[in-house]
Amino acid sequence: MTIRRIECGRRMSQAVVFNGLVYLAGQVASEEANETTVAGQTRLALAEIDRLLAAAGSSKAHILSASIWLANIDTFSEMNSVWDAWVAPGAAPARATVEARLAGPEYLVEIAVVAAVSA
């Protein structure tokens, strides 16, 4: 049984690969980005997802499920406009989106995914 951890810290790993699947931690826009719109933060979170999936040997075309948390559900369509342009054609994953209080008021969206490793 091999478990591979990517960007493993004391508290959590950004991704964990096991048994042909990659589990990503919730991704948010970095504080350094100073992005204050849901669309902008969604783009940054999705770019991190792309980066981590590539490091794990996967891609957005192999995402099986996504969980999305919005600080304000009224921004659902703003987030969806970025998501819809990003998701791989014909490979939309199962997905849930909810409103939640995120780790800090600067965060407007957080996205976690589970994907199949494509190798």
Protein backbone atom coordinates (compact mmCIF):
# COMPACT_ATOMS: atom_id res chain seq x y z
CA MET A 1 0.00 0.00 0.00
CA THR A 2 1.63 3.21 -1.20
CA ILE A 3 0.35 6.62 -0.19
CA ARG A 4 1.97 9.64 -1.84
CA ARG A 5 1.58 13.04 -0.21
CA ILE A 6 2.16 16.22 -2.20
CA GLU A 7 3.20 19.40 -0.40
CA CYS A 8 2.84 17.73 2.97
CA GLY A 9 2.85 20.08 5.93
CA ARG A 10 2.46 19.59 9.64
CA ARG A 11 -1.31 20.05 9.51
CA MET A 12 -2.26 18.78 6.05
CA SER A 13 -1.14 17.80 2.56
CA GLN A 14 -2.28 19.74 -0.48
CA ALA A 15 -2.89 16.43 -2.28
CA VAL A 16 -2.82 12.74 -1.40
CA VAL A 17 -2.58 9.99 -4.01
CA PHE A 18 -3.79 6.51 -3.12
CA ASN A 19 -5.21 3.56 -5.02
CA GLY A 20 -5.50 5.41 -8.35
CA LEU A 21 -7.17 8.49 -6.89
CA VAL A 22 -5.91 11.93 -5.95
CA TYR A 23 -7.63 13.84 -3.15
CA LEU A 24 -7.02 17.59 -3.10
CA ALA A 25 -7.34 19.80 -0.05
CA GLY A 26 -9.64 22.77 -0.42
CA GLN A 27 -7.97 25.34 -2.67
CA VAL A 28 -8.37 29.07 -2.22
CA ALA A 29 -6.81 32.17 -3.76
CA SER A 30 -3.53 33.00 -2.04
CA GLU A 31 -3.66 36.01 0.26
CA GLU A 32 -0.76 37.50 -1.68
CA ALA A 33 -2.94 37.68 -4.80
CA ASN A 34 -5.07 40.39 -3.20
CA GLU A 35 -8.03 39.21 -5.30
CA THR A 36 -11.37 40.49 -3.98
CA THR A 37 -13.88 39.07 -6.48
CA VAL A 38 -15.41 35.62 -6.52
CA ALA A 39 -14.55 35.26 -10.22
CA GLY A 40 -10.92 36.16 -9.60
CA GLN A 41 -10.60 33.90 -6.56
CA THR A 42 -12.26 31.05 -8.47
CA ARG A 43 -9.75 31.42 -11.32
CA LEU A 44 -6.84 31.32 -8.86
CA ALA A 45 -8.22 28.30 -6.98
CA LEU A 46 -8.76 26.43 -10.26
CA ALA A 47 -5.20 27.24 -11.36
CA GLU A 48 -3.95 25.66 -8.12
CA ILE A 49 -6.13 22.63 -8.79
CA ASP A 50 -4.63 22.32 -12.27
CA ARG A 51 -1.12 22.56 -10.80
CA LEU A 52 -1.71 19.99 -8.06
CA LEU A 53 -3.49 17.56 -10.38
CA ALA A 54 -0.54 17.72 -12.79
CA ALA A 55 1.86 17.03 -9.90
CA ALA A 56 -0.24 13.98 -9.01
CA GLY A 57 -0.36 12.67 -12.60
CA SER A 58 -3.92 13.73 -13.32
CA SER A 59 -5.88 16.58 -14.89
CA LYS A 60 -9.23 18.33 -14.77
CA ALA A 61 -10.54 15.85 -17.36
CA HIS A 62 -10.20 13.14 -14.69
CA ILE A 63 -12.05 14.90 -11.84
CA LEU A 64 -14.70 12.64 -10.36
CA SER A 65 -16.22 15.00 -7.79
CA ALA A 66 -15.92 18.59 -6.65
CA SER A 67 -17.05 20.35 -3.48
CA ILE A 68 -17.35 24.11 -3.61
CA TRP A 69 -17.91 26.41 -0.66
CA LEU A 70 -18.98 30.03 -1.22
CA ALA A 71 -18.91 32.68 1.49
CA ASN A 72 -22.09 34.06 -0.09
CA ILE A 73 -24.40 31.84 -2.16
CA ASP A 74 -25.54 34.97 -4.04
CA THR A 75 -22.21 34.74 -5.92
CA PHE A 76 -23.12 31.29 -7.31
CA SER A 77 -23.54 32.51 -10.89
CA GLU A 78 -20.29 34.52 -10.76
CA MET A 79 -18.38 31.42 -9.65
CA ASN A 80 -20.20 29.27 -12.23
CA SER A 81 -19.18 31.57 -15.08
CA VAL A 82 -15.52 30.82 -14.32
CA TRP A 83 -16.13 27.13 -13.55
CA ASP A 84 -18.07 26.57 -16.79
CA ALA A 85 -15.24 28.06 -18.87
CA TRP A 86 -12.66 25.91 -17.03
CA VAL A 87 -14.27 22.46 -16.75
CA ALA A 88 -13.14 19.97 -19.38
CA PRO A 89 -15.76 19.59 -22.15
CA GLY A 90 -17.73 16.38 -21.69
CA ALA A 91 -16.05 15.69 -18.34
CA ALA A 92 -18.11 17.64 -15.82
CA PRO A 93 -17.71 15.94 -12.43
CA ALA A 94 -20.33 15.29 -9.80
CA ARG A 95 -20.46 18.53 -7.82
CA ALA A 96 -21.92 20.14 -4.72
CA THR A 97 -21.89 23.86 -3.94
CA VAL A 98 -22.91 25.31 -0.58
CA GLU A 99 -22.66 28.53 1.36
CA ALA A 100 -20.31 28.37 4.33
CA ARG A 101 -18.24 30.56 6.58
CA LEU A 102 -14.71 30.08 5.28
CA ALA A 103 -11.45 30.15 7.26
CA GLY A 104 -11.11 33.93 6.95
CA PRO A 105 -13.19 36.83 5.67
CA GLU A 106 -10.75 37.36 2.78
CA TYR A 107 -11.74 33.99 1.29
CA LEU A 108 -14.81 34.03 -0.95
CA VAL A 109 -14.56 30.55 -2.51
CA GLU A 110 -12.89 27.25 -1.69
CA ILE A 111 -12.81 24.21 -3.98
CA ALA A 112 -11.79 20.61 -3.27
CA VAL A 113 -11.75 17.78 -5.81
CA VAL A 114 -11.19 14.06 -6.09
CA ALA A 115 -9.77 12.82 -9.40
CA ALA A 116 -8.58 9.62 -11.01
CA VAL A 117 -4.84 9.43 -11.63
CA SER A 118 -4.47 9.25 -15.40
CA ALA A 119 -1.19 7.30 -15.51
